[in-house]
Amino acid sequence: MPVSTPAFIPTPDDENKKRLLGEEDPETLTSMRNLAYTYREQGRLKEAETLYIQITEASKQLLGEEHPDTLMSMANLAYTYWEQGRFKEAESLFIQVTEVRKRLLGEEHPDTLTSMGNLAHIYRQQGRLKEAESLFIQVTEAWKRILGDEHPDTLRSMADLAHTYLGQGHWKEAETLSIQVTEARKQLLGEEHPDTLMSMANLAYTYWEQGHFKEAESLFIQVTEARKRLLGEEHPDTLESMDKLAAVYFNQGRWKEAEEAESLSIQVTEARKRILGDEHPNTLTAIMNLCTIVSKQGRWKEAEVLAIQVLEGRRRLLGEQHPDTLTAMMTLSSIVAREGNWKEAEGLAIQVLETRRRIQGEEHPDTLESMDNLAAIYSHQERWKEAEGLSLHTLEMRRRLLGEEHPATAESTANLFLIYFNQGKLDEANELAPGAVERIKNMSSQQPLTDREERVVSLIQSQHERMRKQMGESHTSLTTQNPPSGYSVE
C-alpha cells in the first residue's frame, strides 16, 4: 500500500498554517497530508481525494514532478481512487509512479516494489489476473532477495500472490503459499495478530474452494472468535469473517447458524452504503452476500432485486467482462431459472459462459461452473443433446482437474446421470449411478449433506433401482421424465 504519514487529530492550527504560510509551504503540505490520511481512514473518501489532488499539484509546483514527496502524494491519490472503485484512474497514476521510481531508484528499491505491488492489485481488481500474477511474482522474488523469506513485506507479497492464484482456480499453489504465510506469521507476529488472522482467513477460503469444508469451518471459527474479542462484533473485519462462516454453514445445510447471519449481513450492507456509497465494490460485495443468504432461503423475488442491483452496479463500475460482474450475472441467471424464466436464464448463462471461456479459459473453475449451469437450463427445457454435451465435458474436465472426490465432480456426476436417465440412456446412466451416490455420500465425511444433496442421492438410488428392473424387462419401456426441481447448479 502507498506510504502515508500516521493519522492525527486535525486542529484549527492546520487551517491557520494553510492561511498564513500558503498551500505550497512544506509545513502546510505535511498538515494537509495528515488531514487527508485521516479523512481516508474515516471513509470520507471524497474529502480525502480533494485534499490529495491539492497536495499533488502543490508538490509538483514546489518540489517537481519526480520528487519523492510528489510521487508519494500521487500514490496516495491513486489509492483513494482505488478505494472508490475508480480502477482506471488509480491504474494510470500507479503506472506513472512505478515508471518514475524504476528510473530514479531502480527496480528493486522498496518504494518501487511497493508501487509495483499496488499496480498488481489494480490489475487483479480489474480481473486482469495474468498481469497481476506476473507482477506479484516479480515483487515477491525481489523482496525475498532483499529482505529474506520471512520479512513482513515478503509475506504480504506472498499472500497477494496466493490470492491471485486462488482467483485463477490454481488452488494447490494458493494453498501452499497460504500455509507458508500463515505459519510464518504465527511465529513472527503471534496467532492473533491482524495479519496472521487475515492469512488464516485466506487459507480457510482456499480449503473451502477445494471442498475441504471442515478445515475451512475450523479456521473461520478461530478467526471470527479472535476478531470478536480483539476488534469487537461490529468491526468490518469481524463482520467479514462472520459472513464467510455463514456461507460455510449454508453450504453444509446448517440453516440455524446461517440464518443468524442475515441481520449481520444487513448491518454490513447498510454501513458500507453509508460510508463508501451504494456502488463501491465492497458495498456491492456485501449486497451479493445478502443476496446469497436470501436466495438460500428460497426468497427468489428479494434475491432477484438484490442480484440486479449488484449486476448493474458492477457493469457500470467494473465493466461487462470483469469476473465479479460475471459472477453477479450467473447468480441472476440461477435466480430467474428458479422462478421459471428459462429463456432469460439461458441468455444470461450463455453470455457468462462465452465471456469466461474467452477471458478465463476453458479449464477455469468458474467456466466449468458456467457450463454446468447452462446444461441444467437446457435440461429443464428438455434440450437433452445440448445438455448432455456440456455436462459430459464438464464432468471430464472436473475429474481431471479436481479429482473424483471433489464436491463439484460429484455434482457433475449426478447431473449427467439425470440427463442420461431422462433420455432413456439406461446403460450410460447405470454406469454413473453407483459412483454418483458414493461420491456425494463421501462428502459427508467433510460436511453433512444438504437437503438438496440428500434428494439427489435418494433420487439416484430410486431411479437406479427402477432402471435395473426395467433393464431386466426391456430397454425401451422407460417414460422420459423432467429433472427434479433443484437440479440446476447454484
Protein backbone atom coordinates (compact mmCIF):
# COMPACT_ATOMS: atom_id res chain seq x y z
CA MET A 1 0.00 0.00 0.00
CA PRO A 2 1.19 3.58 -0.50
CA VAL A 3 3.38 5.02 2.21
CA SER A 4 1.43 7.52 4.30
CA THR A 5 2.05 9.66 7.31
CA PRO A 6 0.37 8.47 10.51
CA ALA A 7 -3.12 9.66 11.24
CA PHE A 8 -3.53 12.60 13.58
CA ILE A 9 -6.31 14.70 15.09
CA PRO A 10 -6.70 17.86 12.97
CA THR A 11 -6.77 21.16 14.88
CA PRO A 12 -7.54 24.78 13.98
CA ASP A 13 -3.77 25.34 13.74
CA ASP A 14 -3.73 23.39 10.50
CA GLU A 15 -6.11 25.80 8.83
CA ASN A 16 -4.10 28.71 10.27
CA LYS A 17 -0.91 27.29 8.72
CA LYS A 18 -2.63 26.98 5.38
CA ARG A 19 -3.85 30.58 5.55
CA LEU A 20 -0.62 32.13 6.88
CA LEU A 21 2.01 30.05 5.06
CA GLY A 22 0.14 29.21 1.86
CA GLU A 23 -0.74 25.86 0.32
CA GLU A 24 2.72 25.36 -1.16
CA ASP A 25 4.65 25.71 2.09
CA PRO A 26 6.21 22.33 3.07
CA GLU A 27 4.79 22.54 6.59
CA THR A 28 1.32 23.22 5.21
CA LEU A 29 1.61 20.26 2.83
CA THR A 30 2.53 17.98 5.73
CA SER A 31 -0.55 19.11 7.67
CA MET A 32 -2.77 18.68 4.61
CA ARG A 33 -1.31 15.20 4.02
CA ASN A 34 -2.09 14.24 7.62
CA LEU A 35 -5.63 15.54 7.31
CA ALA A 36 -6.18 13.72 4.00
CA TYR A 37 -4.97 10.48 5.58
CA THR A 38 -7.38 10.96 8.48
CA TYR A 39 -10.28 11.54 6.09
CA ARG A 40 -9.39 8.37 4.21
CA GLU A 41 -9.22 6.32 7.40
CA GLN A 42 -12.68 7.64 8.34
CA GLY A 43 -14.06 6.64 4.94
CA ARG A 44 -14.51 10.28 3.89
CA LEU A 45 -13.04 9.48 0.51
CA LYS A 46 -14.28 12.47 -1.49
CA GLU A 47 -12.78 14.88 1.04
CA ALA A 48 -9.55 12.88 1.06
CA GLU A 49 -9.48 12.95 -2.75
CA THR A 50 -9.91 16.73 -2.88
CA LEU A 51 -7.02 17.24 -0.47
CA TYR A 52 -4.73 14.74 -2.20
CA ILE A 53 -5.32 16.49 -5.54
CA GLN A 54 -4.37 19.82 -3.95
CA ILE A 55 -1.31 18.27 -2.30
CA THR A 56 -0.17 16.59 -5.51
CA GLU A 57 -0.48 19.76 -7.59
CA ALA A 58 1.27 21.86 -4.93
CA SER A 59 4.07 19.30 -4.60
CA LYS A 60 4.60 19.31 -8.36
CA GLN A 61 4.91 23.11 -8.32
CA LEU A 62 7.09 23.30 -5.22
CA LEU A 63 9.27 20.17 -5.48
CA GLY A 64 8.96 18.96 -9.06
CA GLU A 65 7.06 16.09 -10.66
CA GLU A 66 9.62 13.42 -9.75
CA HIS A 67 10.37 14.39 -6.15
CA PRO A 68 9.78 11.51 -3.67
CA ASP A 69 7.12 13.53 -1.82
CA THR A 70 5.29 14.25 -5.07
CA LEU A 71 5.35 10.58 -6.01
CA MET A 72 4.06 9.64 -2.55
CA SER A 73 1.19 12.12 -2.96
CA MET A 74 0.35 10.67 -6.38
CA ALA A 75 0.38 7.16 -4.89
CA ASN A 76 -1.93 8.23 -2.07
CA LEU A 77 -4.30 9.87 -4.56
CA ALA A 78 -4.24 6.66 -6.61
CA TYR A 79 -5.04 4.63 -3.51
CA THR A 80 -8.00 6.93 -2.78
CA TYR A 81 -9.30 6.33 -6.32
CA TRP A 82 -8.80 2.59 -5.74
CA GLU A 83 -10.89 2.69 -2.56
CA GLN A 84 -13.69 4.37 -4.52
CA GLY A 85 -13.55 1.64 -7.16
CA ARG A 86 -12.17 4.01 -9.80
CA PHE A 87 -9.62 1.50 -11.00
CA LYS A 88 -8.65 3.06 -14.34
CA GLU A 89 -7.74 6.38 -12.70
CA ALA A 90 -5.82 4.53 -9.99
CA GLU A 91 -4.02 2.43 -12.60
CA SER A 92 -2.90 5.47 -14.58
CA LEU A 93 -1.35 7.10 -11.52
CA PHE A 94 0.27 3.91 -10.23
CA ILE A 95 1.87 3.33 -13.65
CA GLN A 96 3.32 6.85 -13.61
CA VAL A 97 4.69 6.44 -10.09
CA THR A 98 6.11 2.99 -10.83
CA GLU A 99 7.89 4.07 -14.01
CA VAL A 100 9.48 7.10 -12.36
CA ARG A 101 10.62 5.11 -9.33
CA LYS A 102 12.10 2.39 -11.55
CA ARG A 103 14.10 5.01 -13.43
CA LEU A 104 15.24 7.01 -10.40
CA LEU A 105 15.57 4.38 -7.68
CA GLY A 106 15.98 1.10 -9.53
CA GLU A 107 13.68 -1.88 -9.98
CA GLU A 108 14.37 -3.40 -6.55
CA HIS A 109 14.13 -0.30 -4.36
CA PRO A 110 11.46 -0.80 -1.67
CA ASP A 111 9.42 2.18 -2.93
CA THR A 112 9.49 0.79 -6.48
CA LEU A 113 8.41 -2.65 -5.28
CA THR A 114 5.58 -1.08 -3.28
CA SER A 115 4.38 0.71 -6.42
CA MET A 116 4.59 -2.48 -8.47
CA GLY A 117 2.57 -4.31 -5.81
CA ASN A 118 -0.09 -1.60 -5.88
CA LEU A 119 -0.27 -1.80 -9.67
CA ALA A 120 -0.65 -5.58 -9.45
CA HIS A 121 -3.56 -5.10 -7.03
CA ILE A 122 -5.27 -2.80 -9.52
CA TYR A 123 -4.82 -5.35 -12.30
CA ARG A 124 -6.37 -8.02 -10.08
CA GLN A 125 -9.30 -5.76 -9.18
CA GLN A 126 -9.99 -5.39 -12.90
CA GLY A 127 -9.86 -9.16 -13.45
CA ARG A 128 -6.52 -8.99 -15.28
CA LEU A 129 -5.18 -11.92 -13.29
CA LYS A 130 -2.29 -12.97 -15.52
CA GLU A 131 -0.83 -9.46 -15.45
CA ALA A 132 -1.33 -9.33 -11.69
CA GLU A 133 0.32 -12.73 -11.24
CA SER A 134 3.37 -11.72 -13.27
CA LEU A 135 3.90 -8.55 -11.24
CA PHE A 136 3.32 -10.24 -7.88
CA ILE A 137 5.89 -12.93 -8.77
CA GLN A 138 8.45 -10.24 -9.63
CA VAL A 139 7.76 -8.36 -6.41
CA THR A 140 7.80 -11.48 -4.23
CA GLU A 141 11.11 -12.72 -5.63
CA ALA A 142 12.66 -9.27 -5.18
CA TRP A 143 11.50 -8.97 -1.55
CA LYS A 144 12.93 -12.44 -0.85
CA ARG A 145 16.33 -11.40 -2.24
CA ILE A 146 16.39 -8.07 -0.42
CA LEU A 147 14.70 -8.81 2.90
CA GLY A 148 14.52 -12.58 3.24
CA ASP A 149 11.72 -15.13 3.12
CA GLU A 150 10.07 -14.18 6.42
CA HIS A 151 10.12 -10.39 6.35
CA PRO A 152 6.59 -8.91 6.69
CA ASP A 153 6.81 -7.29 3.24
CA THR A 154 7.82 -10.61 1.68
CA LEU A 155 4.97 -12.42 3.43
CA ARG A 156 2.49 -9.76 2.34
CA SER A 157 3.58 -10.17 -1.27
CA MET A 158 3.34 -13.98 -0.99
CA ALA A 159 -0.20 -13.61 0.37
CA ASP A 160 -1.11 -11.35 -2.56
CA LEU A 161 0.28 -13.91 -5.00
CA ALA A 162 -1.68 -16.70 -3.27
CA HIS A 163 -4.86 -14.65 -3.60
CA THR A 164 -4.17 -14.18 -7.31
CA TYR A 165 -3.64 -17.92 -7.77
CA LEU A 166 -6.94 -18.52 -5.99
CA GLY A 167 -8.74 -16.17 -8.39
CA GLN A 168 -7.47 -18.26 -11.31
CA GLY A 169 -8.51 -21.54 -9.73
CA HIS A 170 -4.91 -22.61 -9.05
CA TRP A 171 -5.89 -23.94 -5.66
CA LYS A 172 -2.90 -26.09 -4.81
CA GLU A 173 -0.47 -23.23 -5.49
CA ALA A 174 -2.69 -20.91 -3.44
CA GLU A 175 -2.88 -23.42 -0.58
CA THR A 176 0.89 -24.00 -0.46
CA LEU A 177 1.65 -20.27 -0.31
CA SER A 178 -1.15 -19.57 2.19
CA ILE A 179 0.16 -22.25 4.56
CA GLN A 180 3.68 -20.82 4.35
CA VAL A 181 2.47 -17.29 5.08
CA THR A 182 0.19 -18.37 7.93
CA GLU A 183 2.86 -20.43 9.70
CA ALA A 184 5.49 -17.71 9.31
CA ARG A 185 3.17 -15.01 10.65
CA LYS A 186 2.20 -17.16 13.63
CA GLN A 187 5.89 -17.50 14.51
CA LEU A 188 6.80 -13.86 13.88
CA LEU A 189 3.68 -11.95 14.90
CA GLY A 190 1.67 -14.29 17.08
CA GLU A 191 -1.55 -16.19 16.46
CA GLU A 192 -3.88 -13.23 16.98
CA HIS A 193 -2.06 -10.51 15.06
CA PRO A 194 -4.36 -8.98 12.40
CA ASP A 195 -2.03 -10.12 9.60
CA THR A 196 -1.98 -13.67 10.97
CA LEU A 197 -5.77 -13.72 11.18
CA MET A 198 -6.00 -12.46 7.61
CA SER A 199 -3.70 -15.29 6.48
CA MET A 200 -5.81 -17.84 8.33
CA ALA A 201 -8.97 -16.49 6.69
CA ASN A 202 -7.35 -16.70 3.25
CA LEU A 203 -6.22 -20.28 3.93
CA ALA A 204 -9.74 -21.16 5.09
CA TYR A 205 -11.16 -19.80 1.85
CA THR A 206 -8.65 -21.87 -0.12
CA TYR A 207 -9.80 -25.01 1.72
CA TRP A 208 -13.42 -24.08 1.07
CA GLU A 209 -12.84 -23.73 -2.68
CA GLN A 210 -11.36 -27.24 -2.74
CA GLY A 211 -14.35 -28.69 -0.89
CA HIS A 212 -12.49 -29.18 2.40
CA PHE A 213 -15.33 -27.70 4.41
CA LYS A 214 -14.38 -28.97 7.85
CA GLU A 215 -10.90 -27.43 7.65
CA ALA A 216 -12.41 -24.20 6.32
CA GLU A 217 -15.01 -24.07 9.08
CA SER A 218 -12.44 -24.66 11.83
CA LEU A 219 -10.24 -21.80 10.62
CA PHE A 220 -13.14 -19.39 10.04
CA ILE A 221 -14.37 -20.04 13.59
CA GLN A 222 -10.91 -19.32 15.03
CA VAL A 223 -10.62 -16.10 13.03
CA THR A 224 -14.14 -14.93 13.85
CA GLU A 225 -13.79 -15.53 17.59
CA ALA A 226 -10.41 -13.80 17.73
CA ARG A 227 -11.70 -10.78 15.82
CA LYS A 228 -14.79 -10.52 18.01
CA ARG A 229 -12.59 -10.47 21.08
CA LEU A 230 -9.92 -8.13 19.72
CA LEU A 231 -11.86 -5.80 17.42
CA GLY A 232 -15.46 -6.05 18.57
CA GLU A 233 -18.51 -7.60 16.95
CA GLU A 234 -19.20 -4.70 14.60
CA HIS A 235 -15.71 -4.17 13.21
CA PRO A 236 -15.66 -4.62 9.41
CA ASP A 237 -13.12 -7.45 9.63
CA THR A 238 -15.25 -9.28 12.20
CA LEU A 239 -18.37 -8.90 10.10
CA GLU A 240 -16.49 -10.14 7.04
CA SER A 241 -15.43 -13.27 8.95
CA MET A 242 -18.96 -13.89 10.14
CA ASP A 243 -20.25 -13.56 6.57
CA LYS A 244 -17.74 -16.18 5.41
CA LEU A 245 -18.60 -18.51 8.29
CA ALA A 246 -22.29 -18.14 7.48
CA ALA A 247 -21.55 -19.12 3.87
CA VAL A 248 -19.78 -22.27 5.09
CA TYR A 249 -22.79 -23.14 7.25
CA PHE A 250 -25.13 -22.58 4.30
CA ASN A 251 -23.06 -24.87 2.10
CA GLN A 252 -23.37 -27.56 4.75
CA GLY A 253 -27.11 -27.08 5.12
CA ARG A 254 -26.81 -25.81 8.70
CA TRP A 255 -29.60 -23.30 8.43
CA LYS A 256 -29.98 -22.33 12.08
CA GLU A 257 -26.46 -20.95 12.42
CA ALA A 258 -26.55 -19.40 8.97
CA GLU A 259 -29.88 -17.61 9.32
CA GLU A 260 -28.49 -15.60 12.22
CA ALA A 261 -26.08 -14.06 9.72
CA GLU A 262 -28.82 -12.29 7.77
CA SER A 263 -29.21 -9.46 10.27
CA LEU A 264 -25.43 -9.07 10.40
CA SER A 265 -25.25 -9.06 6.61
CA ILE A 266 -27.83 -6.28 6.53
CA GLN A 267 -25.76 -4.32 9.06
CA VAL A 268 -22.65 -4.70 6.92
CA THR A 269 -24.52 -3.65 3.79
CA GLU A 270 -26.05 -0.55 5.36
CA ALA A 271 -22.77 0.51 6.96
CA ARG A 272 -20.89 0.18 3.68
CA LYS A 273 -23.58 2.12 1.82
CA ARG A 274 -23.31 4.92 4.35
CA ILE A 275 -19.51 5.06 4.44
CA LEU A 276 -18.48 4.04 0.93
CA GLY A 277 -21.54 4.72 -1.21
CA ASP A 278 -24.08 2.46 -2.90
CA GLU A 279 -21.80 1.32 -5.73
CA HIS A 280 -18.44 0.89 -4.07
CA PRO A 281 -17.05 -2.62 -4.80
CA ASN A 282 -17.16 -3.54 -1.09
CA THR A 283 -20.78 -2.37 -0.82
CA LEU A 284 -21.75 -4.45 -3.85
CA THR A 285 -19.97 -7.47 -2.33
CA ALA A 286 -21.99 -7.02 0.87
CA ILE A 287 -25.22 -6.84 -1.14
CA MET A 288 -24.23 -10.00 -3.02
CA ASN A 289 -23.59 -11.79 0.29
CA LEU A 290 -27.06 -10.76 1.44
CA CYS A 291 -28.48 -11.95 -1.89
CA THR A 292 -26.90 -15.37 -1.29
CA ILE A 293 -28.43 -15.63 2.17
CA VAL A 294 -31.87 -14.61 0.89
CA SER A 295 -31.76 -16.96 -2.10
CA LYS A 296 -30.67 -19.92 0.03
CA GLN A 297 -33.95 -19.44 1.92
CA GLY A 298 -35.94 -19.59 -1.33
CA ARG A 299 -36.90 -15.90 -1.27
CA TRP A 300 -36.39 -15.57 -5.00
CA LYS A 301 -38.04 -12.21 -5.67
CA GLU A 302 -36.00 -10.49 -2.97
CA ALA A 303 -32.88 -12.22 -4.22
CA GLU A 304 -33.58 -11.13 -7.80
CA VAL A 305 -33.86 -7.47 -6.80
CA LEU A 306 -30.53 -7.65 -4.96
CA ALA A 307 -28.79 -9.52 -7.79
CA ILE A 308 -29.96 -6.97 -10.38
CA GLN A 309 -28.71 -4.15 -8.17
CA VAL A 310 -25.27 -5.75 -7.90
CA LEU A 311 -25.09 -6.63 -11.60
CA GLU A 312 -26.00 -3.12 -12.75
CA GLY A 313 -23.55 -1.56 -10.28
CA ARG A 314 -20.69 -3.82 -11.33
CA ARG A 315 -21.40 -3.26 -15.02
CA ARG A 316 -21.05 0.49 -14.52
CA LEU A 317 -18.08 0.25 -12.17
CA LEU A 318 -16.06 -2.71 -13.45
CA GLY A 319 -17.28 -3.36 -16.96
CA GLU A 320 -19.16 -6.20 -18.62
CA GLN A 321 -16.25 -8.68 -18.61
CA HIS A 322 -14.93 -8.35 -15.06
CA PRO A 323 -15.06 -11.65 -13.08
CA ASP A 324 -17.21 -10.03 -10.38
CA THR A 325 -19.69 -8.79 -13.00
CA LEU A 326 -19.88 -12.27 -14.49
CA THR A 327 -20.45 -13.79 -11.04
CA ALA A 328 -23.36 -11.42 -10.48
CA MET A 329 -24.75 -12.28 -13.92
CA MET A 330 -24.56 -16.02 -13.21
CA THR A 331 -26.22 -15.51 -9.83
CA LEU A 332 -29.07 -13.66 -11.51
CA SER A 333 -29.33 -16.43 -14.12
CA SER A 334 -29.70 -19.04 -11.37
CA ILE A 335 -32.33 -16.97 -9.58
CA VAL A 336 -34.53 -16.31 -12.63
CA ALA A 337 -34.20 -20.00 -13.54
CA ARG A 338 -35.64 -20.87 -10.14
CA GLU A 339 -38.54 -18.57 -10.98
CA GLY A 340 -39.11 -20.47 -14.25
CA ASN A 341 -37.86 -17.74 -16.59
CA TRP A 342 -35.82 -20.17 -18.67
CA LYS A 343 -35.15 -18.01 -21.73
CA GLU A 344 -33.87 -15.11 -19.64
CA ALA A 345 -31.78 -17.52 -17.58
CA GLU A 346 -30.37 -19.10 -20.74
CA GLY A 347 -29.42 -15.76 -22.29
CA LEU A 348 -27.52 -14.70 -19.19
CA ALA A 349 -25.86 -18.11 -18.80
CA ILE A 350 -24.65 -18.17 -22.42
CA GLN A 351 -23.22 -14.68 -22.10
CA VAL A 352 -21.34 -15.64 -18.94
CA LEU A 353 -20.01 -18.89 -20.40
CA GLU A 354 -18.78 -17.30 -23.63
CA THR A 355 -17.07 -14.47 -21.76
CA ARG A 356 -15.45 -16.75 -19.20
CA ARG A 357 -14.16 -19.05 -21.94
CA ARG A 358 -12.57 -16.07 -23.66
CA ILE A 359 -11.23 -14.28 -20.56
CA GLN A 360 -10.53 -17.04 -18.02
CA GLY A 361 -10.04 -20.07 -20.23
CA GLU A 362 -11.80 -23.39 -20.79
CA GLU A 363 -10.41 -25.05 -17.64
CA HIS A 364 -11.09 -22.32 -15.10
CA PRO A 365 -13.44 -23.48 -12.30
CA ASP A 366 -15.77 -20.56 -13.00
CA THR A 367 -16.00 -21.57 -16.67
CA LEU A 368 -16.85 -25.15 -15.70
CA GLU A 369 -19.50 -23.92 -13.26
CA SER A 370 -20.99 -21.87 -16.10
CA MET A 371 -21.17 -24.99 -18.30
CA ASP A 372 -22.98 -26.93 -15.58
CA ASN A 373 -25.47 -24.11 -15.08
CA LEU A 374 -26.21 -23.85 -18.78
CA ALA A 375 -26.57 -27.65 -19.02
CA ALA A 376 -29.13 -27.52 -16.22
CA ILE A 377 -31.09 -24.81 -18.02
CA TYR A 378 -31.10 -26.87 -21.23
CA SER A 379 -32.30 -29.89 -19.22
CA HIS A 380 -35.28 -28.03 -17.84
CA GLN A 381 -36.23 -27.17 -21.42
CA GLU A 382 -35.76 -30.86 -22.41
CA ARG A 383 -32.95 -29.97 -24.81
CA TRP A 384 -31.15 -33.15 -23.87
CA LYS A 385 -28.45 -33.28 -26.55
CA GLU A 386 -27.19 -29.80 -25.72
CA ALA A 387 -27.36 -30.56 -22.01
CA GLU A 388 -25.53 -33.86 -22.41
CA GLY A 389 -22.66 -32.38 -24.41
CA LEU A 390 -22.00 -29.65 -21.87
CA SER A 391 -22.47 -31.86 -18.83
CA LEU A 392 -20.21 -34.63 -20.14
CA HIS A 393 -17.47 -32.12 -21.00
CA THR A 394 -17.75 -30.53 -17.54
CA LEU A 395 -17.52 -33.89 -15.77
CA GLU A 396 -14.45 -34.95 -17.76
CA MET A 397 -12.69 -31.65 -17.02
CA ARG A 398 -13.54 -31.74 -13.31
CA ARG A 399 -12.35 -35.33 -12.99
CA ARG A 400 -9.02 -34.34 -14.50
CA LEU A 401 -8.58 -31.01 -12.71
CA LEU A 402 -10.23 -31.61 -9.33
CA GLY A 403 -10.28 -35.36 -8.87
CA GLU A 404 -13.14 -37.80 -8.37
CA GLU A 405 -13.86 -36.86 -4.75
CA HIS A 406 -14.30 -33.10 -5.14
CA PRO A 407 -17.89 -31.93 -4.45
CA ALA A 408 -18.08 -30.23 -7.85
CA THR A 409 -17.13 -33.51 -9.55
CA ALA A 410 -19.77 -35.37 -7.56
CA GLU A 411 -22.37 -32.79 -8.53
CA SER A 412 -21.42 -33.07 -12.22
CA THR A 413 -21.73 -36.86 -11.99
CA ALA A 414 -25.23 -36.57 -10.54
CA ASN A 415 -26.27 -34.02 -13.16
CA LEU A 416 -25.07 -36.19 -16.06
CA PHE A 417 -26.83 -39.23 -14.56
CA LEU A 418 -30.13 -37.34 -14.66
CA ILE A 419 -29.56 -36.25 -18.26
CA TYR A 420 -28.85 -39.83 -19.37
CA PHE A 421 -31.83 -41.12 -17.43
CA ASN A 422 -34.25 -38.65 -18.97
CA GLN A 423 -33.13 -39.64 -22.47
CA GLY A 424 -33.62 -43.32 -21.68
CA LYS A 425 -29.86 -43.96 -21.93
CA LEU A 426 -30.02 -46.56 -19.20
CA ASP A 427 -26.66 -48.21 -19.79
CA GLU A 428 -24.78 -44.91 -19.53
CA ALA A 429 -26.81 -43.81 -16.50
CA ASN A 430 -26.36 -47.18 -14.84
CA GLU A 431 -22.58 -46.82 -15.09
CA LEU A 432 -22.66 -43.43 -13.35
CA ALA A 433 -25.24 -44.11 -10.63
CA PRO A 434 -23.20 -46.05 -8.05
CA GLY A 435 -20.27 -43.64 -8.32
CA ALA A 436 -22.52 -40.61 -8.06
CA VAL A 437 -24.14 -41.86 -4.86
CA GLU A 438 -20.83 -42.94 -3.36
CA ARG A 439 -19.08 -39.65 -4.10
CA ILE A 440 -21.88 -37.48 -2.80
CA LYS A 441 -22.06 -39.58 0.37
CA ASN A 442 -18.29 -39.37 0.74
CA MET A 443 -18.75 -35.61 1.05
CA SER A 444 -20.44 -36.25 4.40
CA SER A 445 -17.01 -37.02 5.84
CA GLN A 446 -16.22 -33.36 5.19
CA GLN A 447 -19.70 -31.92 5.76
CA PRO A 448 -23.28 -33.04 6.42
CA LEU A 449 -25.24 -33.47 3.21
CA THR A 450 -27.57 -30.60 2.40
CA ASP A 451 -31.26 -31.23 1.77
CA ARG A 452 -30.58 -30.92 -1.97
CA GLU A 453 -27.78 -33.49 -1.88
CA GLU A 454 -29.94 -35.87 0.13
CA ARG A 455 -32.64 -35.51 -2.54
CA VAL A 456 -30.15 -36.21 -5.31
CA VAL A 457 -28.88 -39.35 -3.56
CA SER A 458 -32.43 -40.54 -2.90
CA LEU A 459 -33.47 -39.87 -6.49
CA ILE A 460 -30.45 -41.63 -8.00
CA GLN A 461 -30.91 -44.64 -5.75
CA SER A 462 -34.61 -44.96 -6.56
CA GLN A 463 -34.10 -44.33 -10.28
CA HIS A 464 -31.17 -46.74 -10.36
CA GLU A 465 -33.36 -49.43 -8.80
CA ARG A 466 -36.11 -48.73 -11.34
CA MET A 467 -33.59 -48.89 -14.17
CA ARG A 468 -32.27 -52.23 -13.03
CA LYS A 469 -35.81 -53.61 -13.01
CA GLN A 470 -36.64 -52.06 -16.39
CA MET A 471 -33.42 -53.26 -17.96
CA GLY A 472 -34.37 -56.76 -16.89
CA GLU A 473 -37.60 -56.38 -18.89
CA SER A 474 -36.80 -54.00 -21.74
CA HIS A 475 -34.54 -51.09 -22.56
CA THR A 476 -37.34 -49.28 -24.36
CA SER A 477 -40.14 -49.07 -21.83
CA LEU A 478 -38.86 -46.06 -19.93
CA THR A 479 -41.02 -42.94 -19.91
CA THR A 480 -38.94 -39.78 -20.10
CA GLN A 481 -39.27 -37.51 -17.09
CA ASN A 482 -38.29 -33.95 -16.33
CA PRO A 483 -35.40 -33.41 -13.94
CA PRO A 484 -36.48 -32.70 -10.38
CA SER A 485 -36.72 -29.16 -9.12
CA GLY A 486 -33.47 -28.11 -7.53
CA TYR A 487 -31.40 -29.72 -10.27
CA SER A 488 -29.85 -26.51 -11.55
CA VAL A 489 -26.45 -25.71 -10.10
CA GLU A 490 -26.28 -22.70 -7.85
